[in-house]
Amino acid sequence: MATGPAAALKIVDRLVAEGALRRSHFLPSIRAELLTKLGRTNEAKAELLKAAAITANDQQKAVLLAKAAPL
């Protein structure tokens, strides 16, 4: 993030491509945050919904869905 959301997104996308944290909601939620900062809200919403589908924690799911709702 020190060099901006676009640079950070490249790093996160590399992790996704490598299959890192495949079963974790963290990478799609981080991607969503970065995509939102870049104004790519449709993609961000899809990532938040993906993260919500992955997590088994109902409270986390609710937070992710609440973040996706206004996008």
N, C-alpha and C. Protein backbone atom coordinates (compact mmCIF):
# COMPACT_ATOMS: atom_id res chain seq x y z
N MET A 1 0.81 -1.20 0.00
CA MET A 1 0.00 0.00 0.00
C MET A 1 0.86 1.26 0.00
N ALA A 2 2.12 1.15 0.38
CA ALA A 2 2.97 2.34 0.45
C ALA A 2 3.09 3.01 -0.91
N THR A 3 2.98 2.24 -1.98
CA THR A 3 3.07 2.81 -3.32
C THR A 3 1.72 2.91 -4.01
N GLY A 4 0.65 2.69 -3.26
CA GLY A 4 -0.69 2.85 -3.79
C GLY A 4 -1.45 1.55 -3.97
N PRO A 5 -2.77 1.66 -4.13
CA PRO A 5 -3.61 0.47 -4.23
C PRO A 5 -3.35 -0.36 -5.48
N ALA A 6 -2.96 0.25 -6.58
CA ALA A 6 -2.71 -0.52 -7.80
C ALA A 6 -1.52 -1.45 -7.62
N ALA A 7 -0.47 -0.95 -7.00
CA ALA A 7 0.71 -1.79 -6.74
C ALA A 7 0.37 -2.90 -5.75
N ALA A 8 -0.40 -2.57 -4.74
CA ALA A 8 -0.80 -3.57 -3.75
C ALA A 8 -1.67 -4.64 -4.39
N LEU A 9 -2.54 -4.23 -5.30
CA LEU A 9 -3.42 -5.19 -5.97
C LEU A 9 -2.60 -6.18 -6.80
N LYS A 10 -1.54 -5.72 -7.43
CA LYS A 10 -0.68 -6.63 -8.19
C LYS A 10 -0.08 -7.71 -7.29
N ILE A 11 0.31 -7.32 -6.10
CA ILE A 11 0.88 -8.28 -5.15
C ILE A 11 -0.18 -9.29 -4.72
N VAL A 12 -1.35 -8.79 -4.39
CA VAL A 12 -2.44 -9.67 -3.96
C VAL A 12 -2.86 -10.60 -5.10
N ASP A 13 -2.92 -10.07 -6.31
CA ASP A 13 -3.28 -10.91 -7.46
C ASP A 13 -2.26 -12.01 -7.69
N ARG A 14 -0.99 -11.72 -7.44
CA ARG A 14 0.04 -12.75 -7.56
C ARG A 14 -0.19 -13.85 -6.54
N LEU A 15 -0.54 -13.48 -5.32
CA LEU A 15 -0.84 -14.47 -4.28
C LEU A 15 -2.04 -15.33 -4.67
N VAL A 16 -3.06 -14.69 -5.22
CA VAL A 16 -4.25 -15.43 -5.67
C VAL A 16 -3.86 -16.42 -6.77
N ALA A 17 -3.06 -15.97 -7.72
CA ALA A 17 -2.65 -16.84 -8.83
C ALA A 17 -1.83 -18.03 -8.34
N GLU A 18 -1.08 -17.83 -7.27
CA GLU A 18 -0.28 -18.91 -6.69
C GLU A 18 -1.11 -19.86 -5.84
N GLY A 19 -2.36 -19.50 -5.59
CA GLY A 19 -3.23 -20.34 -4.78
C GLY A 19 -3.06 -20.13 -3.29
N ALA A 20 -2.39 -19.06 -2.91
CA ALA A 20 -2.17 -18.77 -1.49
C ALA A 20 -3.51 -18.49 -0.80
N LEU A 21 -3.66 -19.03 0.38
CA LEU A 21 -4.85 -18.80 1.21
C LEU A 21 -6.15 -19.05 0.45
N ARG A 22 -6.15 -20.07 -0.39
CA ARG A 22 -7.29 -20.37 -1.25
C ARG A 22 -8.60 -20.49 -0.48
N ARG A 23 -8.56 -21.04 0.70
CA ARG A 23 -9.79 -21.27 1.46
C ARG A 23 -10.06 -20.18 2.50
N SER A 24 -9.34 -19.09 2.37
CA SER A 24 -9.49 -17.99 3.33
C SER A 24 -10.26 -16.83 2.69
N HIS A 25 -11.05 -16.18 3.50
CA HIS A 25 -11.79 -15.01 3.03
C HIS A 25 -10.90 -13.77 2.98
N PHE A 26 -9.71 -13.86 3.51
CA PHE A 26 -8.85 -12.68 3.62
C PHE A 26 -8.44 -12.10 2.26
N LEU A 27 -7.99 -12.93 1.33
CA LEU A 27 -7.54 -12.39 0.04
C LEU A 27 -8.67 -11.73 -0.74
N PRO A 28 -9.84 -12.35 -0.88
CA PRO A 28 -10.89 -11.62 -1.60
C PRO A 28 -11.35 -10.35 -0.88
N SER A 29 -11.31 -10.35 0.44
CA SER A 29 -11.70 -9.12 1.14
C SER A 29 -10.65 -8.03 0.98
N ILE A 30 -9.39 -8.40 0.95
CA ILE A 30 -8.33 -7.42 0.70
C ILE A 30 -8.43 -6.91 -0.74
N ARG A 31 -8.65 -7.83 -1.68
CA ARG A 31 -8.83 -7.41 -3.08
C ARG A 31 -9.99 -6.42 -3.19
N ALA A 32 -11.08 -6.69 -2.49
CA ALA A 32 -12.24 -5.81 -2.52
C ALA A 32 -11.89 -4.42 -2.02
N GLU A 33 -11.14 -4.34 -0.95
CA GLU A 33 -10.73 -3.04 -0.41
C GLU A 33 -9.91 -2.27 -1.43
N LEU A 34 -8.96 -2.94 -2.05
CA LEU A 34 -8.10 -2.29 -3.03
C LEU A 34 -8.90 -1.89 -4.27
N LEU A 35 -9.76 -2.76 -4.74
CA LEU A 35 -10.59 -2.45 -5.90
C LEU A 35 -11.50 -1.26 -5.63
N THR A 36 -12.03 -1.17 -4.42
CA THR A 36 -12.87 -0.03 -4.04
C THR A 36 -12.06 1.26 -4.11
N LYS A 37 -10.85 1.23 -3.59
CA LYS A 37 -9.99 2.43 -3.64
C LYS A 37 -9.67 2.83 -5.07
N LEU A 38 -9.68 1.87 -5.99
CA LEU A 38 -9.42 2.15 -7.40
C LEU A 38 -10.69 2.50 -8.17
N GLY A 39 -11.84 2.52 -7.47
CA GLY A 39 -13.11 2.87 -8.10
C GLY A 39 -13.73 1.74 -8.90
N ARG A 40 -13.24 0.53 -8.71
CA ARG A 40 -13.75 -0.64 -9.44
C ARG A 40 -14.76 -1.37 -8.56
N THR A 41 -15.89 -0.69 -8.32
CA THR A 41 -16.85 -1.16 -7.32
C THR A 41 -17.56 -2.46 -7.69
N ASN A 42 -17.84 -2.68 -8.96
CA ASN A 42 -18.50 -3.93 -9.34
C ASN A 42 -17.62 -5.13 -9.01
N GLU A 43 -16.34 -5.02 -9.32
CA GLU A 43 -15.40 -6.09 -8.99
C GLU A 43 -15.24 -6.23 -7.49
N ALA A 44 -15.22 -5.10 -6.80
CA ALA A 44 -15.08 -5.12 -5.34
C ALA A 44 -16.27 -5.85 -4.70
N LYS A 45 -17.47 -5.56 -5.19
CA LYS A 45 -18.66 -6.21 -4.65
C LYS A 45 -18.58 -7.72 -4.86
N ALA A 46 -18.16 -8.14 -6.04
CA ALA A 46 -18.04 -9.58 -6.33
C ALA A 46 -17.03 -10.24 -5.38
N GLU A 47 -15.95 -9.55 -5.09
CA GLU A 47 -14.94 -10.09 -4.17
C GLU A 47 -15.48 -10.18 -2.75
N LEU A 48 -16.25 -9.19 -2.33
CA LEU A 48 -16.84 -9.24 -0.98
C LEU A 48 -17.84 -10.38 -0.87
N LEU A 49 -18.62 -10.59 -1.91
CA LEU A 49 -19.58 -11.71 -1.90
C LEU A 49 -18.84 -13.04 -1.89
N LYS A 50 -17.75 -13.12 -2.61
CA LYS A 50 -16.93 -14.33 -2.61
C LYS A 50 -16.37 -14.58 -1.21
N ALA A 51 -15.85 -13.54 -0.58
CA ALA A 51 -15.30 -13.67 0.77
C ALA A 51 -16.38 -14.12 1.75
N ALA A 52 -17.58 -13.55 1.61
CA ALA A 52 -18.69 -13.93 2.50
C ALA A 52 -19.06 -15.39 2.31
N ALA A 53 -18.99 -15.88 1.09
CA ALA A 53 -19.32 -17.28 0.82
C ALA A 53 -18.27 -18.23 1.39
N ILE A 54 -17.04 -17.77 1.47
CA ILE A 54 -15.95 -18.62 1.95
C ILE A 54 -15.93 -18.75 3.47
N THR A 55 -16.18 -17.64 4.16
CA THR A 55 -16.04 -17.67 5.62
C THR A 55 -17.12 -18.52 6.28
N ALA A 56 -16.72 -19.17 7.34
CA ALA A 56 -17.67 -19.97 8.12
C ALA A 56 -18.17 -19.20 9.34
N ASN A 57 -17.61 -18.03 9.56
CA ASN A 57 -17.96 -17.22 10.71
C ASN A 57 -19.13 -16.31 10.35
N ASP A 58 -20.24 -16.48 11.04
CA ASP A 58 -21.44 -15.70 10.72
C ASP A 58 -21.25 -14.20 10.91
N GLN A 59 -20.50 -13.80 11.91
CA GLN A 59 -20.27 -12.37 12.15
C GLN A 59 -19.42 -11.78 11.01
N GLN A 60 -18.39 -12.48 10.60
CA GLN A 60 -17.57 -12.01 9.48
C GLN A 60 -18.40 -11.94 8.21
N LYS A 61 -19.24 -12.96 7.99
CA LYS A 61 -20.11 -12.99 6.82
C LYS A 61 -21.02 -11.76 6.80
N ALA A 62 -21.59 -11.42 7.94
CA ALA A 62 -22.48 -10.27 8.04
C ALA A 62 -21.75 -8.97 7.71
N VAL A 63 -20.53 -8.83 8.21
CA VAL A 63 -19.73 -7.62 7.94
C VAL A 63 -19.42 -7.52 6.45
N LEU A 64 -19.02 -8.61 5.85
CA LEU A 64 -18.68 -8.61 4.43
C LEU A 64 -19.90 -8.29 3.57
N LEU A 65 -21.03 -8.87 3.90
CA LEU A 65 -22.26 -8.60 3.15
C LEU A 65 -22.71 -7.15 3.33
N ALA A 66 -22.52 -6.60 4.53
CA ALA A 66 -22.86 -5.20 4.78
C ALA A 66 -21.96 -4.27 3.96
N LYS A 67 -20.69 -4.63 3.81
CA LYS A 67 -19.78 -3.81 2.98
C LYS A 67 -20.16 -3.90 1.51
N ALA A 68 -20.65 -5.06 1.09
CA ALA A 68 -21.01 -5.26 -0.32
C ALA A 68 -22.32 -4.55 -0.68
N ALA A 69 -23.22 -4.44 0.25
CA ALA A 69 -24.57 -3.92 -0.02
C ALA A 69 -24.59 -2.56 -0.73
N PRO A 70 -23.81 -1.58 -0.29
CA PRO A 70 -23.91 -0.27 -0.95
C PRO A 70 -23.15 -0.15 -2.28
N LEU A 71 -22.39 -1.16 -2.62
CA LEU A 71 -21.59 -1.06 -3.85
C LEU A 71 -22.40 -1.34 -5.10
